Amino acid sequence: MATHTIARRATRRARKIPVRQITGDDLRIALRQGLDDFLDLRGDLFFAGLIYTLIGLAAVVMTANMPLVPFFFPVVAGVGLLGPVAAVGFYELARRREAGQEVHWFNFLDVRKRPSVEEMGLVAGLLLVIFFAWLLAAGILYVLLFGWTAPQSLSQFLAMVFTTPRGWALIGIGAAVGVIFGWSVLALSVVSLPILVDRHLSAAQAVSTSWRAAHANKLEMVRWGVIVTALLAVGSIPLFVGLAFVLPWLGYSTWHLYTRLVDRDALQARR
């Protein structure tokens, strides 16, 4: 009996969650549906305006003074690597709206009641590790180009970066390294966190499904990454206030993108 139980569990683990091929139309539809959610659930402005703007400003203040000035750009850019973690509340609101349930702004926090909340914590921990790895890589690159001497002010650092050959090398190489980290976060999170809000799965199943979905749709995922990066950049100006609109929109849109990347009917049949 025990042998049969173990065999059944192994079979379930081995059975991969089906993923779909998507097109550019799916990206546009996801963005449009996400905008509809945002316009219908504008109470989330309280959370977005309070949380994300303060986080962005704190990142700027923390790195605008000695000795963290060299981490100014990496920290500001790297905040986006943790965006998927901050968006889980929006996934919950979108899930409830899709299910026809009553939705209020305070349901943003109901994600804590989902069966896979501990698994979400594991994925969030993974993304946090990637964030710190990005900061480490940025620090190593700075030391290789400029040595251990830190600039005395933010203005001096900006002059070093934008007016010297080593500064342009820092920008170019840093951007290339950032693309690698950005793709890793996108591939690991585009499905994993929404699916954990939606269903009771393990973190390993969720991350594996997300990775397969992203690599099955590389071109569209690159386009999605460019869209996300552009919207976050626009939303960060001025003083991150625009993130009060951009982040909820992207959060809802990512939920709808997940519903197109994963065969949820087959996922339901697994239960």
Protein backbone atom coordinates (compact mmCIF):
# COMPACT_ATOMS: atom_id res chain seq x y z
CA MET A 1 0.00 0.00 0.00
CA ALA A 2 2.76 2.42 0.94
CA THR A 3 4.59 1.54 -2.28
CA HIS A 4 1.52 2.37 -4.38
CA THR A 5 1.07 5.70 -2.54
CA ILE A 6 4.68 6.68 -3.15
CA ALA A 7 4.36 5.69 -6.81
CA ARG A 8 1.24 7.84 -7.25
CA ARG A 9 2.95 10.83 -5.69
CA ALA A 10 5.99 10.36 -7.90
CA THR A 11 3.72 10.19 -10.96
CA ARG A 12 2.02 13.44 -10.00
CA ARG A 13 5.36 15.16 -9.55
CA ALA A 14 6.64 13.86 -12.86
CA ARG A 15 3.56 15.02 -14.77
CA LYS A 16 4.39 18.49 -16.00
CA ILE A 17 1.83 21.26 -15.94
CA PRO A 18 0.96 22.07 -19.58
CA VAL A 19 2.02 25.46 -20.93
CA ARG A 20 0.80 27.21 -24.06
CA GLN A 21 2.32 29.12 -26.95
CA ILE A 22 1.19 32.74 -27.03
CA THR A 23 1.41 35.61 -29.55
CA GLY A 24 1.71 39.37 -29.45
CA ASP A 25 -2.09 39.53 -29.40
CA ASP A 26 -2.05 37.75 -26.04
CA LEU A 27 0.26 40.42 -24.63
CA ARG A 28 -2.03 43.19 -25.85
CA ILE A 29 -5.13 41.46 -24.50
CA ALA A 30 -3.45 40.87 -21.12
CA LEU A 31 -2.52 44.56 -20.90
CA ARG A 32 -6.03 45.63 -21.87
CA GLN A 33 -7.64 43.26 -19.34
CA GLY A 34 -5.20 44.45 -16.69
CA LEU A 35 -6.19 48.05 -17.40
CA ASP A 36 -9.86 47.09 -17.07
CA ASP A 37 -9.12 45.55 -13.67
CA PHE A 38 -7.24 48.65 -12.58
CA LEU A 39 -10.04 51.00 -13.59
CA ASP A 40 -12.57 48.81 -11.79
CA LEU A 41 -10.49 48.36 -8.61
CA ARG A 42 -8.97 51.78 -8.06
CA GLY A 43 -8.90 51.37 -4.28
CA ASP A 44 -5.51 49.71 -4.76
CA LEU A 45 -4.09 53.21 -5.33
CA PHE A 46 -3.82 53.44 -1.56
CA PHE A 47 -1.43 50.51 -1.44
CA ALA A 48 0.48 51.37 -4.58
CA GLY A 49 0.86 55.03 -3.72
CA LEU A 50 1.90 54.37 -0.14
CA ILE A 51 4.08 51.28 -0.52
CA TYR A 52 5.84 51.55 -3.85
CA THR A 53 6.51 55.27 -3.81
CA LEU A 54 8.00 55.03 -0.32
CA ILE A 55 10.12 52.02 -1.30
CA GLY A 56 11.47 53.85 -4.33
CA LEU A 57 12.22 57.00 -2.37
CA ALA A 58 13.88 54.99 0.41
CA ALA A 59 16.11 53.29 -2.17
CA VAL A 60 17.19 56.68 -3.54
CA VAL A 61 17.85 58.18 -0.11
CA MET A 62 19.75 55.10 1.07
CA THR A 63 22.12 55.09 -1.89
CA ALA A 64 22.52 58.83 -2.42
CA ASN A 65 24.96 59.15 0.47
CA MET A 66 28.37 57.70 1.27
CA PRO A 67 29.42 54.92 1.13
CA LEU A 68 26.58 53.43 -0.93
CA VAL A 69 26.69 55.90 -3.83
CA PRO A 70 28.08 53.28 -6.29
CA PHE A 71 24.95 51.23 -5.63
CA PHE A 72 22.60 54.08 -6.57
CA PHE A 73 21.70 52.78 -10.04
CA PRO A 74 21.84 49.04 -9.15
CA VAL A 75 19.46 49.49 -6.20
CA VAL A 76 17.01 51.71 -8.08
CA ALA A 77 17.03 49.36 -11.07
CA GLY A 78 17.04 46.26 -8.88
CA VAL A 79 13.86 47.24 -7.06
CA GLY A 80 12.06 46.03 -10.18
CA LEU A 81 13.49 42.54 -9.59
CA LEU A 82 11.30 42.33 -6.49
CA GLY A 83 8.24 43.71 -8.25
CA PRO A 84 6.65 40.27 -8.76
CA VAL A 85 6.65 39.73 -4.99
CA ALA A 86 4.89 43.04 -4.39
CA ALA A 87 2.32 42.17 -7.05
CA VAL A 88 0.87 39.06 -5.36
CA GLY A 89 -1.86 41.18 -3.76
CA PHE A 90 -2.97 42.32 -7.20
CA TYR A 91 -3.00 38.70 -8.39
CA GLU A 92 -5.41 37.95 -5.55
CA LEU A 93 -7.69 40.85 -6.50
CA ALA A 94 -7.68 39.75 -10.14
CA ARG A 95 -8.41 36.15 -9.12
CA ARG A 96 -11.39 37.20 -7.02
CA ARG A 97 -12.73 39.45 -9.78
CA GLU A 98 -12.37 36.65 -12.34
CA ALA A 99 -14.25 34.26 -10.02
CA GLY A 100 -17.11 36.74 -9.64
CA GLN A 101 -16.39 37.27 -5.96
CA GLU A 102 -16.86 40.57 -4.16
CA VAL A 103 -13.68 42.62 -4.30
CA HIS A 104 -12.60 45.43 -1.99
CA TRP A 105 -9.23 47.12 -1.52
CA PHE A 106 -8.61 45.23 1.74
CA ASN A 107 -8.75 41.92 -0.18
CA PHE A 108 -5.26 42.87 -1.34
CA LEU A 109 -4.05 41.30 1.92
CA ASP A 110 -6.13 38.14 1.58
CA VAL A 111 -3.30 36.53 -0.35
CA ARG A 112 -1.99 35.58 3.11
CA LYS A 113 -4.91 33.13 3.37
CA ARG A 114 -4.13 31.24 0.16
CA PRO A 115 -3.13 27.57 0.66
CA SER A 116 0.24 28.08 -1.06
CA VAL A 117 1.29 31.14 0.93
CA GLU A 118 4.36 29.36 2.34
CA GLU A 119 5.39 28.35 -1.17
CA MET A 120 5.04 31.99 -2.24
CA GLY A 121 7.47 32.82 0.54
CA LEU A 122 9.99 30.38 -0.90
CA VAL A 123 9.71 31.95 -4.37
CA ALA A 124 10.01 35.41 -2.81
CA GLY A 125 13.16 34.23 -1.03
CA LEU A 126 14.57 33.03 -4.34
CA LEU A 127 13.93 36.42 -5.95
CA LEU A 128 15.52 38.14 -2.96
CA VAL A 129 18.64 36.02 -3.42
CA ILE A 130 18.75 37.07 -7.08
CA PHE A 131 18.38 40.71 -6.04
CA PHE A 132 21.37 40.49 -3.70
CA ALA A 133 23.35 38.58 -6.34
CA TRP A 134 22.64 41.49 -8.72
CA LEU A 135 23.94 43.98 -6.14
CA LEU A 136 27.04 41.83 -5.61
CA ALA A 137 27.68 41.66 -9.36
CA ALA A 138 27.23 45.44 -9.64
CA GLY A 139 29.67 46.01 -6.77
CA ILE A 140 32.29 43.70 -8.29
CA LEU A 141 31.97 45.44 -11.67
CA TYR A 142 32.42 48.86 -10.06
CA VAL A 143 35.54 47.72 -8.17
CA LEU A 144 37.05 46.21 -11.32
CA LEU A 145 36.59 49.49 -13.21
CA PHE A 146 37.12 52.14 -10.52
CA GLY A 147 38.87 50.36 -7.68
CA TRP A 148 37.93 50.50 -4.01
CA THR A 149 37.71 54.30 -3.79
CA ALA A 150 34.11 55.45 -3.50
CA PRO A 151 32.98 58.85 -4.86
CA GLN A 152 32.46 61.57 -2.29
CA SER A 153 29.01 62.58 -3.52
CA LEU A 154 26.24 61.58 -5.88
CA SER A 155 27.16 64.38 -8.29
CA GLN A 156 30.77 63.17 -8.44
CA PHE A 157 29.56 59.63 -9.06
CA LEU A 158 27.28 60.76 -11.89
CA ALA A 159 30.17 62.67 -13.46
CA MET A 160 32.37 59.55 -13.22
CA VAL A 161 29.71 57.41 -14.86
CA PHE A 162 28.61 59.70 -17.69
CA THR A 163 31.81 61.54 -18.63
CA THR A 164 34.56 58.90 -18.53
CA PRO A 165 35.35 55.84 -20.67
CA ARG A 166 35.26 53.64 -17.58
CA GLY A 167 31.86 55.06 -16.75
CA TRP A 168 30.49 54.18 -20.17
CA ALA A 169 31.97 50.70 -19.77
CA LEU A 170 30.16 50.44 -16.45
CA ILE A 171 26.89 51.40 -18.12
CA GLY A 172 27.33 49.00 -21.04
CA ILE A 173 28.51 45.97 -19.09
CA GLY A 174 26.08 46.69 -16.27
CA ALA A 175 23.18 46.83 -18.71
CA ALA A 176 24.20 43.48 -20.23
CA VAL A 177 24.47 41.87 -16.80
CA GLY A 178 21.16 43.45 -15.83
CA VAL A 179 19.45 41.86 -18.83
CA ILE A 180 20.60 38.43 -17.62
CA PHE A 181 19.26 39.03 -14.12
CA GLY A 182 16.06 40.55 -15.49
CA TRP A 183 15.41 37.57 -17.75
CA SER A 184 16.04 35.18 -14.86
CA VAL A 185 13.50 36.95 -12.65
CA LEU A 186 10.96 37.18 -15.47
CA ALA A 187 11.30 33.50 -16.38
CA LEU A 188 11.11 32.38 -12.76
CA SER A 189 8.20 34.59 -11.68
CA VAL A 190 5.89 35.34 -14.61
CA VAL A 191 3.86 32.20 -13.87
CA SER A 192 5.11 30.94 -10.51
CA LEU A 193 3.60 33.55 -8.20
CA PRO A 194 0.26 33.88 -10.04
CA ILE A 195 -0.13 30.09 -10.15
CA LEU A 196 0.56 29.84 -6.41
CA VAL A 197 -2.13 32.43 -5.76
CA ASP A 198 -4.45 30.44 -8.02
CA ARG A 199 -3.69 26.84 -6.98
CA HIS A 200 -2.18 24.78 -4.18
CA LEU A 201 1.16 23.67 -5.65
CA SER A 202 4.74 23.38 -4.49
CA ALA A 203 7.23 26.16 -5.11
CA ALA A 204 9.28 23.75 -7.25
CA GLN A 205 6.27 22.97 -9.47
CA ALA A 206 5.43 26.66 -9.83
CA VAL A 207 8.97 27.76 -10.67
CA SER A 208 9.46 24.87 -13.10
CA THR A 209 6.21 25.70 -14.90
CA SER A 210 7.15 29.38 -15.09
CA TRP A 211 10.59 28.57 -16.49
CA ARG A 212 9.13 26.25 -19.14
CA ALA A 213 6.41 28.76 -20.12
CA ALA A 214 8.96 31.55 -20.53
CA HIS A 215 11.35 29.46 -22.60
CA ALA A 216 8.49 28.16 -24.75
CA ASN A 217 7.65 31.79 -25.58
CA LYS A 218 11.06 33.49 -25.61
CA LEU A 219 10.24 36.15 -28.19
CA GLU A 220 6.99 37.18 -26.53
CA MET A 221 8.59 37.10 -23.09
CA VAL A 222 11.37 39.39 -24.31
CA ARG A 223 8.70 41.75 -25.63
CA TRP A 224 6.89 41.53 -22.31
CA GLY A 225 10.12 42.28 -20.45
CA VAL A 226 10.70 45.37 -22.61
CA ILE A 227 7.13 46.55 -21.97
CA VAL A 228 7.49 46.04 -18.21
CA THR A 229 10.87 47.81 -18.10
CA ALA A 230 9.59 50.76 -20.12
CA LEU A 231 6.46 51.18 -18.00
CA LEU A 232 8.44 50.94 -14.76
CA ALA A 233 10.89 53.55 -16.03
CA VAL A 234 8.06 55.91 -16.95
CA GLY A 235 6.29 55.22 -13.66
CA SER A 236 9.41 56.11 -11.69
CA ILE A 237 9.31 59.69 -12.98
CA PRO A 238 8.83 61.86 -11.06
CA LEU A 239 9.66 60.52 -7.59
CA PHE A 240 8.10 57.11 -8.29
CA VAL A 241 4.58 58.55 -8.05
CA GLY A 242 3.64 57.03 -11.41
CA LEU A 243 4.16 53.56 -9.95
CA ALA A 244 0.81 54.01 -8.20
CA PHE A 245 -0.71 53.46 -11.64
CA VAL A 246 1.90 51.32 -13.40
CA LEU A 247 2.44 48.60 -10.80
CA PRO A 248 -1.23 47.70 -10.26
CA TRP A 249 -1.74 47.69 -14.04
CA LEU A 250 1.25 45.41 -14.56
CA GLY A 251 0.18 43.20 -11.67
CA TYR A 252 -3.29 42.63 -13.09
CA SER A 253 -1.89 42.22 -16.60
CA THR A 254 0.58 39.58 -15.41
CA TRP A 255 -2.32 37.63 -13.93
CA HIS A 256 -4.09 37.62 -17.28
CA LEU A 257 -0.85 36.71 -19.04
CA TYR A 258 -0.50 33.74 -16.69
CA THR A 259 -4.00 32.54 -17.61
CA ARG A 260 -2.87 32.47 -21.25
CA LEU A 261 0.48 30.82 -20.62
CA VAL A 262 -0.85 27.90 -18.57
CA ASP A 263 -3.53 25.36 -19.48
CA ARG A 264 -5.67 25.85 -16.39
CA ASP A 265 -8.22 23.26 -17.49
CA ALA A 266 -5.52 20.61 -17.44
CA LEU A 267 -4.27 22.04 -14.16
CA GLN A 268 -7.77 21.66 -12.68
CA ALA A 269 -7.93 18.04 -13.85
CA ARG A 270 -4.76 17.27 -11.84
CA ARG A 271 -6.44 18.00 -8.55
